[in-house]
Amino acid sequence: MKRFVPTRRAFIVAGIGVMLFMAASTAQAGWLFVLAASVLGLVATSLLWRHNLGAAAIERRAPRRTCAGDPVAVGLTIHNRGRRTLPLMRVEDHFAAFEPTVVTAERLRPGERSEIELVKTAHRRGVFTSGAVLLTSGAPFGFMRSRKAIEVPGETTVVPHWADLGSFPILEPSSFPADVLHERARTGAGQEYLGVREYRPGDPQRAVHWRSTARVGELVVREFEEEVQSRVTLILAGKDVGDPPDSAFEMLVSAAASIGIYALNTGHPVDLLRPLPEGVAHLGDPDRYDILDWLAAAEPIDSPVTPLVSQALARVGRRGTVVVLIPTLGEAARDAEDAVRMIQAAGSRAIVVAARASSWYDDVRFLDFDEGSSLQAMSVGRTAVRVVSRGEDLAECLG
């Protein structure tokens, strides 16, 4: 706590007191001496005032999970655990999950508590575990100011905003004529007719092929091709451009959430990969809440993406889709062509979601890279490239 910090008002009033004292000495007027003493005494008394802000205990109430941009109810409880009354206070909540707010708390007698309810907007994605609350009081005259910062715990995960996609070019059976060569029919409970075989105990009666049974003289059942959805792996990497939450990397995080949820909704198993300062973060076979929570903790790290592609291909096999989400500048962008060629050589489909970095520059004259060449390098072979830009509708850019 910082105590006894004089305010500007204190210096002004003290200056007035000194001037009154000098005027009283010149005029030898008793009433001016009394007035000067009163003013200076008022300021001096403030030096002895104890605001006792250390007796304040604060609790925060916030949702465990919310989405970036959504309004939510957030509460603060201030409890006076001391033996003296807490003065009128200015309360500043600096919990990073929401925009800073300033309110005023009334005087609290010993044992009393104050409930503060606010509606805040989750302005940026992230995982937040605590935030500072700054208490400030200048009571009663505003001559001396006391401050105390209290770190208040409160776990809140702000997940990225996502768009509901109507379509996205995830690899499906026979997406390309040449890809049919990689398909291997397997028996299962699908809809595509594969052939007939002899009856086995446990086969359902509705599967019996009566014409073949009559022809061969024994029970024969129909066999269907197993429906296997291709696996989708999302790779998120690259440096950031702009100021979060309006930045290139934040747009890519929202794109990853949108694509991941779309893949789950269409029945595809999903994996996610992103670089860490040391190692790789991997999330396998998640549900939608796992995807959102995992992306809430993502940080921009500019590194080559081919090592991540190598791990992705070990999961998706020859009939999967690898989606690489990167900006158009930096080390990740320079490595994009090699990464795409690696995906295609393995027989999987490559999709690149590129954040157009130039759209987050206020003055394009400061660009020090060739964005056109970067996008062209990402488009080798049959690569599907989706470009997202600042201010554009994410669903339209991806769909």
Protein backbone atom coordinates (compact mmCIF):
# COMPACT_ATOMS: atom_id res chain seq x y z
CA MET A 1 0.00 0.00 0.00
CA LYS A 2 1.16 3.52 -0.74
CA ARG A 3 0.08 5.79 2.14
CA PHE A 4 0.24 9.51 2.64
CA VAL A 5 0.62 10.44 -0.98
CA PRO A 6 -0.25 14.15 -1.11
CA THR A 7 -2.69 15.16 -3.77
CA ARG A 8 -2.57 18.30 -5.88
CA ARG A 9 -5.42 19.64 -3.79
CA ALA A 10 -3.28 19.35 -0.66
CA PHE A 11 -0.51 21.46 -2.16
CA ILE A 12 -2.97 24.10 -3.33
CA VAL A 13 -4.70 24.35 0.05
CA ALA A 14 -1.37 24.38 1.90
CA GLY A 15 -0.20 27.19 -0.39
CA ILE A 16 -3.35 29.15 0.42
CA GLY A 17 -2.66 28.63 4.13
CA VAL A 18 0.89 29.95 3.78
CA MET A 19 -0.33 33.01 1.89
CA LEU A 20 -2.92 33.68 4.59
CA PHE A 21 -0.23 33.41 7.25
CA MET A 22 2.00 35.88 5.38
CA ALA A 23 -0.94 38.26 4.97
CA ALA A 24 -1.72 37.96 8.68
CA SER A 25 1.90 38.76 9.58
CA THR A 26 1.83 41.83 7.37
CA ALA A 27 -1.53 43.16 8.53
CA GLN A 28 -1.14 41.94 12.11
CA ALA A 29 -4.75 40.73 11.90
CA GLY A 30 -5.63 38.09 14.46
CA TRP A 31 -8.53 36.64 12.53
CA LEU A 32 -6.20 35.99 9.56
CA PHE A 33 -3.83 34.06 11.87
CA VAL A 34 -6.76 31.95 12.99
CA LEU A 35 -7.86 31.30 9.41
CA ALA A 36 -4.33 30.43 8.28
CA ALA A 37 -3.88 28.06 11.23
CA SER A 38 -7.18 26.36 10.46
CA VAL A 39 -6.27 25.77 6.83
CA LEU A 40 -2.76 24.50 7.59
CA GLY A 41 -4.08 22.40 10.46
CA LEU A 42 -6.60 20.74 8.15
CA VAL A 43 -3.82 19.67 5.82
CA ALA A 44 -1.60 18.54 8.70
CA THR A 45 -4.43 16.48 10.20
CA SER A 46 -4.76 14.59 6.93
CA LEU A 47 -1.17 13.36 7.39
CA LEU A 48 -2.33 11.39 10.43
CA TRP A 49 -5.37 9.83 8.74
CA ARG A 50 -5.30 6.05 8.30
CA HIS A 51 -7.53 4.72 5.55
CA ASN A 52 -7.01 1.11 6.67
CA LEU A 53 -7.46 -0.30 3.17
CA GLY A 54 -5.53 -3.41 4.19
CA ALA A 55 -8.63 -4.63 6.04
CA ALA A 56 -10.52 -5.02 2.76
CA ALA A 57 -11.00 -8.58 1.45
CA ILE A 58 -12.25 -8.96 -2.11
CA GLU A 59 -13.86 -11.86 -3.98
CA ARG A 60 -14.65 -11.99 -7.68
CA ARG A 61 -17.53 -13.83 -9.34
CA ALA A 62 -17.16 -14.56 -13.04
CA PRO A 63 -18.22 -17.37 -15.40
CA ARG A 64 -15.76 -20.23 -15.82
CA ARG A 65 -16.11 -20.08 -19.60
CA THR A 66 -17.34 -17.41 -21.99
CA CYS A 67 -16.83 -16.46 -25.63
CA ALA A 68 -14.87 -13.45 -26.83
CA GLY A 69 -17.19 -10.54 -27.49
CA ASP A 70 -20.04 -11.81 -25.32
CA PRO A 71 -21.44 -9.71 -22.44
CA VAL A 72 -21.36 -11.48 -19.07
CA ALA A 73 -22.23 -10.66 -15.47
CA VAL A 74 -19.21 -10.14 -13.21
CA GLY A 75 -19.42 -9.43 -9.48
CA LEU A 76 -17.10 -8.12 -6.77
CA THR A 77 -17.66 -8.56 -3.04
CA ILE A 78 -15.76 -6.22 -0.71
CA HIS A 79 -15.71 -7.33 2.93
CA ASN A 80 -14.43 -5.21 5.83
CA ARG A 81 -12.52 -7.60 8.08
CA GLY A 82 -10.97 -4.89 10.22
CA ARG A 83 -12.10 -3.13 13.40
CA ARG A 84 -12.43 0.29 11.81
CA THR A 85 -14.72 1.64 9.15
CA LEU A 86 -13.46 1.51 5.58
CA PRO A 87 -13.80 4.91 3.88
CA LEU A 88 -15.41 5.77 0.59
CA MET A 89 -13.25 4.05 -2.04
CA ARG A 90 -12.61 4.06 -5.76
CA VAL A 91 -12.51 0.44 -6.99
CA GLU A 92 -10.70 -0.37 -10.24
CA ASP A 93 -10.98 -3.93 -11.53
CA HIS A 94 -8.12 -4.89 -13.85
CA PHE A 95 -9.05 -8.51 -14.53
CA ALA A 96 -7.56 -9.02 -18.00
CA ALA A 97 -10.43 -11.18 -19.26
CA PHE A 98 -12.68 -8.10 -19.40
CA GLU A 99 -12.30 -4.42 -20.07
CA PRO A 100 -11.16 -2.41 -16.99
CA THR A 101 -13.96 -0.88 -14.95
CA VAL A 102 -14.12 1.77 -12.22
CA VAL A 103 -16.83 1.97 -9.55
CA THR A 104 -17.26 3.59 -6.14
CA ALA A 105 -17.75 1.60 -2.94
CA GLU A 106 -19.57 3.16 0.01
CA ARG A 107 -18.21 3.31 3.57
CA LEU A 108 -18.18 -0.11 5.23
CA ARG A 109 -18.43 -0.61 8.97
CA PRO A 110 -16.56 -3.53 10.58
CA GLY A 111 -18.02 -6.82 9.35
CA GLU A 112 -20.07 -5.23 6.57
CA ARG A 113 -19.76 -6.15 2.91
CA SER A 114 -20.57 -4.48 -0.38
CA GLU A 115 -21.82 -6.31 -3.46
CA ILE A 116 -20.93 -4.85 -6.85
CA GLU A 117 -22.59 -6.29 -9.97
CA LEU A 118 -21.36 -5.32 -13.44
CA VAL A 119 -22.04 -6.39 -17.01
CA LYS A 120 -18.75 -6.67 -18.86
CA THR A 121 -17.66 -7.76 -22.32
CA ALA A 122 -15.05 -10.48 -22.73
CA HIS A 123 -12.83 -8.46 -25.03
CA ARG A 124 -10.06 -10.96 -25.77
CA ARG A 125 -9.37 -14.67 -25.82
CA GLY A 126 -7.23 -16.36 -23.18
CA VAL A 127 -7.01 -18.34 -19.95
CA PHE A 128 -7.10 -16.04 -16.93
CA THR A 129 -6.55 -17.10 -13.32
CA SER A 130 -6.41 -13.82 -11.40
CA GLY A 131 -6.47 -10.04 -11.73
CA ALA A 132 -5.65 -7.01 -9.63
CA VAL A 133 -8.23 -4.82 -7.94
CA LEU A 134 -6.91 -1.35 -7.07
CA LEU A 135 -8.50 0.41 -4.09
CA THR A 136 -7.99 4.17 -3.79
CA SER A 137 -9.28 6.52 -1.11
CA GLY A 138 -8.74 10.20 -0.43
CA ALA A 139 -11.39 10.52 2.27
CA PRO A 140 -12.41 12.68 3.95
CA PHE A 141 -10.93 15.84 2.38
CA GLY A 142 -8.98 14.52 -0.60
CA PHE A 143 -5.67 15.93 0.65
CA MET A 144 -3.92 12.57 1.10
CA ARG A 145 -4.47 9.48 -1.04
CA SER A 146 -4.00 5.84 -0.05
CA ARG A 147 -3.82 3.00 -2.52
CA LYS A 148 -3.77 -0.75 -2.23
CA ALA A 149 -3.60 -3.35 -5.00
CA ILE A 150 -5.13 -6.72 -4.18
CA GLU A 151 -4.59 -9.74 -6.42
CA VAL A 152 -7.96 -11.45 -6.61
CA PRO A 153 -8.13 -15.05 -7.91
CA GLY A 154 -10.79 -16.02 -10.40
CA GLU A 155 -10.53 -18.58 -13.19
CA THR A 156 -12.12 -17.61 -16.48
CA THR A 157 -11.47 -19.08 -19.90
CA VAL A 158 -12.41 -16.81 -22.79
CA VAL A 159 -12.75 -19.03 -25.84
CA PRO A 160 -12.37 -17.65 -29.37
CA HIS A 161 -15.32 -16.51 -31.39
CA TRP A 162 -16.20 -18.94 -34.18
CA ALA A 163 -18.36 -18.89 -37.29
CA ASP A 164 -20.90 -21.54 -38.26
CA LEU A 165 -19.66 -22.80 -41.61
CA GLY A 166 -22.01 -24.12 -44.25
CA SER A 167 -19.18 -25.80 -46.15
CA PHE A 168 -15.43 -26.35 -46.12
CA PRO A 169 -13.32 -28.47 -48.51
CA ILE A 170 -12.51 -31.31 -46.13
CA LEU A 171 -11.52 -34.42 -48.07
CA GLU A 172 -14.48 -36.76 -48.69
CA PRO A 173 -14.56 -40.01 -50.66
CA SER A 174 -13.87 -39.35 -54.35
CA SER A 175 -13.15 -35.63 -53.84
CA PHE A 176 -10.71 -35.98 -56.73
CA PRO A 177 -10.74 -38.75 -59.35
CA ALA A 178 -7.11 -39.59 -58.68
CA ASP A 179 -7.77 -39.98 -54.97
CA VAL A 180 -9.97 -43.02 -55.60
CA LEU A 181 -6.77 -45.00 -56.02
CA HIS A 182 -6.11 -44.56 -52.33
CA GLU A 183 -9.48 -45.86 -51.19
CA ARG A 184 -9.73 -49.35 -49.73
CA ALA A 185 -13.22 -50.76 -49.23
CA ARG A 186 -13.80 -52.38 -45.86
CA THR A 187 -16.82 -54.29 -44.69
CA GLY A 188 -19.03 -52.60 -42.18
CA ALA A 189 -22.43 -51.09 -41.52
CA GLY A 190 -22.43 -48.43 -44.21
CA GLN A 191 -24.77 -47.79 -47.13
CA GLU A 192 -22.54 -48.73 -50.10
CA TYR A 193 -23.13 -52.29 -51.34
CA LEU A 194 -19.91 -54.34 -51.39
CA GLY A 195 -20.98 -57.91 -52.23
CA VAL A 196 -22.38 -61.15 -50.72
CA ARG A 197 -20.99 -63.87 -48.50
CA GLU A 198 -22.15 -66.96 -46.66
CA TYR A 199 -24.35 -66.56 -43.59
CA ARG A 200 -22.63 -66.41 -40.19
CA PRO A 201 -24.33 -66.87 -36.83
CA GLY A 202 -25.44 -63.48 -35.55
CA ASP A 203 -26.04 -61.87 -38.95
CA PRO A 204 -29.37 -59.95 -39.00
CA GLN A 205 -32.21 -61.53 -40.97
CA ARG A 206 -32.74 -58.33 -42.99
CA ALA A 207 -29.25 -58.77 -44.47
CA VAL A 208 -30.16 -62.10 -46.15
CA HIS A 209 -29.97 -61.94 -49.97
CA TRP A 210 -32.86 -64.23 -50.88
CA ARG A 211 -32.16 -64.50 -54.60
CA SER A 212 -28.59 -65.66 -54.03
CA THR A 213 -29.80 -67.94 -51.24
CA ALA A 214 -32.28 -69.62 -53.61
CA ARG A 215 -29.62 -69.95 -56.30
CA VAL A 216 -26.90 -71.59 -54.17
CA GLY A 217 -29.17 -73.47 -51.77
CA GLU A 218 -27.79 -71.97 -48.55
CA LEU A 219 -28.15 -68.68 -46.68
CA VAL A 220 -26.26 -65.77 -48.25
CA VAL A 221 -26.16 -62.24 -46.79
CA ARG A 222 -25.40 -58.85 -48.28
CA GLU A 223 -22.18 -57.11 -47.24
CA PHE A 224 -21.76 -53.32 -47.11
CA GLU A 225 -18.73 -51.06 -47.21
CA GLU A 226 -17.78 -49.51 -43.91
CA GLU A 227 -18.20 -45.75 -43.82
CA VAL A 228 -14.95 -44.26 -42.52
CA GLN A 229 -14.72 -40.48 -42.29
CA SER A 230 -11.33 -39.00 -43.06
CA ARG A 231 -9.33 -37.49 -40.21
CA VAL A 232 -8.71 -33.74 -40.11
CA THR A 233 -5.64 -32.18 -38.50
CA LEU A 234 -5.39 -28.43 -37.90
CA ILE A 235 -1.96 -26.82 -37.61
CA LEU A 236 -1.88 -23.30 -36.12
CA ALA A 237 1.37 -21.30 -36.17
CA GLY A 238 2.94 -17.99 -37.10
CA LYS A 239 3.65 -14.51 -35.80
CA ASP A 240 1.00 -11.94 -35.02
CA VAL A 241 0.30 -8.67 -36.81
CA GLY A 242 -1.97 -5.98 -35.38
CA ASP A 243 -3.22 -5.38 -31.87
CA PRO A 244 -5.24 -8.20 -30.24
CA PRO A 245 -8.09 -8.83 -30.26
CA ASP A 246 -8.04 -7.30 -33.77
CA SER A 247 -5.01 -9.08 -35.16
CA ALA A 248 -4.01 -11.67 -37.74
CA PHE A 249 -3.33 -14.45 -35.24
CA GLU A 250 -6.65 -13.90 -33.47
CA MET A 251 -8.40 -14.26 -36.83
CA LEU A 252 -6.55 -17.53 -37.42
CA VAL A 253 -7.56 -18.82 -33.99
CA SER A 254 -11.21 -18.07 -34.78
CA ALA A 255 -10.78 -19.80 -38.14
CA ALA A 256 -9.32 -22.88 -36.44
CA ALA A 257 -12.27 -23.00 -34.05
CA SER A 258 -14.73 -22.67 -36.93
CA ILE A 259 -13.10 -25.41 -39.00
CA GLY A 260 -12.67 -27.75 -36.03
CA ILE A 261 -16.33 -27.45 -35.02
CA TYR A 262 -17.43 -27.89 -38.65
CA ALA A 263 -15.33 -31.07 -38.93
CA LEU A 264 -16.89 -32.50 -35.77
CA ASN A 265 -20.39 -31.62 -36.96
CA THR A 266 -19.75 -33.48 -40.23
CA GLY A 267 -18.44 -36.57 -38.46
CA HIS A 268 -14.69 -36.20 -38.94
CA PRO A 269 -12.23 -37.05 -36.16
CA VAL A 270 -10.02 -34.04 -35.40
CA ASP A 271 -6.48 -33.35 -34.21
CA LEU A 272 -4.90 -29.98 -33.46
CA LEU A 273 -1.22 -29.04 -33.35
CA ARG A 274 0.59 -25.82 -32.52
CA PRO A 275 4.18 -25.02 -31.56
CA LEU A 276 5.26 -24.22 -28.04
CA PRO A 277 8.42 -22.40 -26.93
CA GLU A 278 9.75 -25.89 -26.21
CA GLY A 279 7.99 -28.69 -28.03
CA VAL A 280 4.55 -29.11 -29.58
CA ALA A 281 1.05 -28.91 -28.15
CA HIS A 282 -1.22 -31.68 -29.43
CA LEU A 283 -4.93 -32.28 -28.90
CA GLY A 284 -6.37 -35.53 -30.18
CA ASP A 285 -10.00 -36.56 -30.75
CA PRO A 286 -11.55 -33.64 -28.85
CA ASP A 287 -15.13 -32.51 -28.52
CA ARG A 288 -16.08 -28.92 -29.35
CA TYR A 289 -15.44 -27.66 -25.80
CA ASP A 290 -11.99 -29.24 -25.79
CA ILE A 291 -11.20 -27.47 -29.08
CA LEU A 292 -12.33 -24.08 -27.78
CA ASP A 293 -10.47 -24.42 -24.47
CA TRP A 294 -7.30 -25.57 -26.24
CA LEU A 295 -7.42 -22.65 -28.66
CA ALA A 296 -8.06 -20.21 -25.80
CA ALA A 297 -4.50 -20.87 -24.62
CA ALA A 298 -2.85 -20.55 -28.07
CA GLU A 299 -0.02 -18.03 -28.42
CA PRO A 300 1.58 -16.75 -31.65
CA ILE A 301 4.88 -18.54 -32.25
CA ASP A 302 6.63 -18.11 -35.59
CA SER A 303 8.34 -21.36 -36.50
CA PRO A 304 8.59 -23.75 -39.48
CA VAL A 305 5.46 -25.86 -39.98
CA THR A 306 7.02 -28.90 -41.67
CA PRO A 307 7.85 -30.57 -38.29
CA LEU A 308 4.19 -30.16 -37.32
CA VAL A 309 3.07 -31.51 -40.70
CA SER A 310 5.23 -34.59 -40.16
CA GLN A 311 3.40 -35.32 -36.91
CA ALA A 312 0.04 -34.58 -38.51
CA LEU A 313 0.59 -37.06 -41.34
CA ALA A 314 1.31 -39.82 -38.84
CA ARG A 315 -2.28 -39.33 -37.60
CA VAL A 316 -4.28 -38.65 -40.76
CA GLY A 317 -2.76 -41.29 -43.04
CA ARG A 318 -3.32 -41.22 -46.82
CA ARG A 319 -6.97 -40.25 -46.77
CA GLY A 320 -6.95 -37.30 -44.41
CA THR A 321 -6.96 -33.54 -44.57
CA VAL A 322 -4.29 -31.27 -43.11
CA VAL A 323 -5.31 -27.64 -42.62
CA VAL A 324 -2.40 -25.22 -42.11
CA LEU A 325 -3.39 -21.87 -40.58
CA ILE A 326 -0.63 -19.26 -40.88
CA PRO A 327 -0.13 -15.55 -41.70
CA THR A 328 1.36 -14.45 -44.99
CA LEU A 329 4.65 -13.33 -43.46
CA GLY A 330 7.30 -14.79 -41.22
CA GLU A 331 9.06 -18.12 -40.92
CA ALA A 332 5.85 -20.15 -41.01
CA ALA A 333 4.84 -18.55 -44.32
CA ARG A 334 8.28 -19.15 -45.85
CA ASP A 335 8.00 -22.85 -44.94
CA ALA A 336 4.46 -23.22 -46.31
CA GLU A 337 5.39 -24.49 -49.79
CA ASP A 338 7.54 -27.33 -48.41
CA ALA A 339 4.82 -28.21 -45.94
CA VAL A 340 2.14 -28.36 -48.65
CA ARG A 341 4.32 -30.53 -50.90
CA MET A 342 4.94 -32.90 -47.99
CA ILE A 343 1.19 -33.25 -47.37
CA GLN A 344 0.43 -33.93 -51.02
CA ALA A 345 3.29 -36.42 -51.37
CA ALA A 346 1.77 -38.39 -48.48
CA GLY A 347 -1.56 -38.66 -50.32
CA SER A 348 -3.50 -36.34 -48.02
CA ARG A 349 -5.29 -33.16 -48.91
CA ALA A 350 -3.64 -29.83 -48.08
CA ILE A 351 -5.65 -26.74 -47.20
CA VAL A 352 -4.01 -23.44 -46.29
CA VAL A 353 -5.86 -20.72 -44.38
CA ALA A 354 -3.73 -17.60 -44.76
CA ALA A 355 -4.25 -14.38 -42.81
CA ARG A 356 -3.44 -11.48 -45.13
CA ALA A 357 -0.97 -9.64 -42.92
CA SER A 358 -1.02 -6.48 -45.04
CA SER A 359 -4.64 -5.82 -44.05
CA TRP A 360 -3.52 -5.30 -40.44
CA TYR A 361 -0.88 -2.71 -41.41
CA ASP A 362 -2.11 0.86 -41.10
CA ASP A 363 0.40 1.96 -43.72
CA VAL A 364 1.31 -0.61 -46.40
CA ARG A 365 4.43 1.40 -47.23
CA PHE A 366 6.08 -0.25 -44.24
CA LEU A 367 5.64 -3.75 -45.68
CA ASP A 368 8.96 -5.52 -46.02
CA PHE A 369 7.77 -8.74 -47.68
CA ASP A 370 6.18 -9.83 -50.96
CA GLU A 371 2.71 -10.99 -49.95
CA GLY A 372 1.74 -12.00 -53.48
CA SER A 373 4.70 -14.38 -53.77
CA SER A 374 3.91 -15.79 -50.34
CA LEU A 375 0.32 -16.61 -51.34
CA GLN A 376 1.46 -18.07 -54.65
CA ALA A 377 3.89 -20.39 -52.88
CA MET A 378 1.04 -21.72 -50.73
CA SER A 379 -1.02 -22.59 -53.81
CA VAL A 380 1.15 -25.39 -55.25
CA GLY A 381 -0.58 -28.42 -56.70
CA ARG A 382 -4.23 -28.85 -55.78
CA THR A 383 -3.95 -26.90 -52.56
CA ALA A 384 -7.15 -25.21 -51.47
CA VAL A 385 -6.22 -21.74 -50.18
CA ARG A 386 -8.59 -19.63 -48.10
CA VAL A 387 -7.48 -16.05 -47.40
CA VAL A 388 -8.87 -14.17 -44.41
CA SER A 389 -8.46 -10.42 -44.06
CA ARG A 390 -9.13 -7.76 -41.48
CA GLY A 391 -12.77 -6.72 -41.24
CA GLU A 392 -14.08 -9.45 -43.55
CA ASP A 393 -16.73 -12.02 -42.69
CA LEU A 394 -14.97 -15.17 -41.51
CA ALA A 395 -17.65 -17.60 -42.72
CA GLU A 396 -17.55 -16.12 -46.23
CA CYS A 397 -13.75 -16.24 -46.36
CA LEU A 398 -13.62 -19.89 -45.30
CA GLY A 399 -16.66 -21.17 -47.17
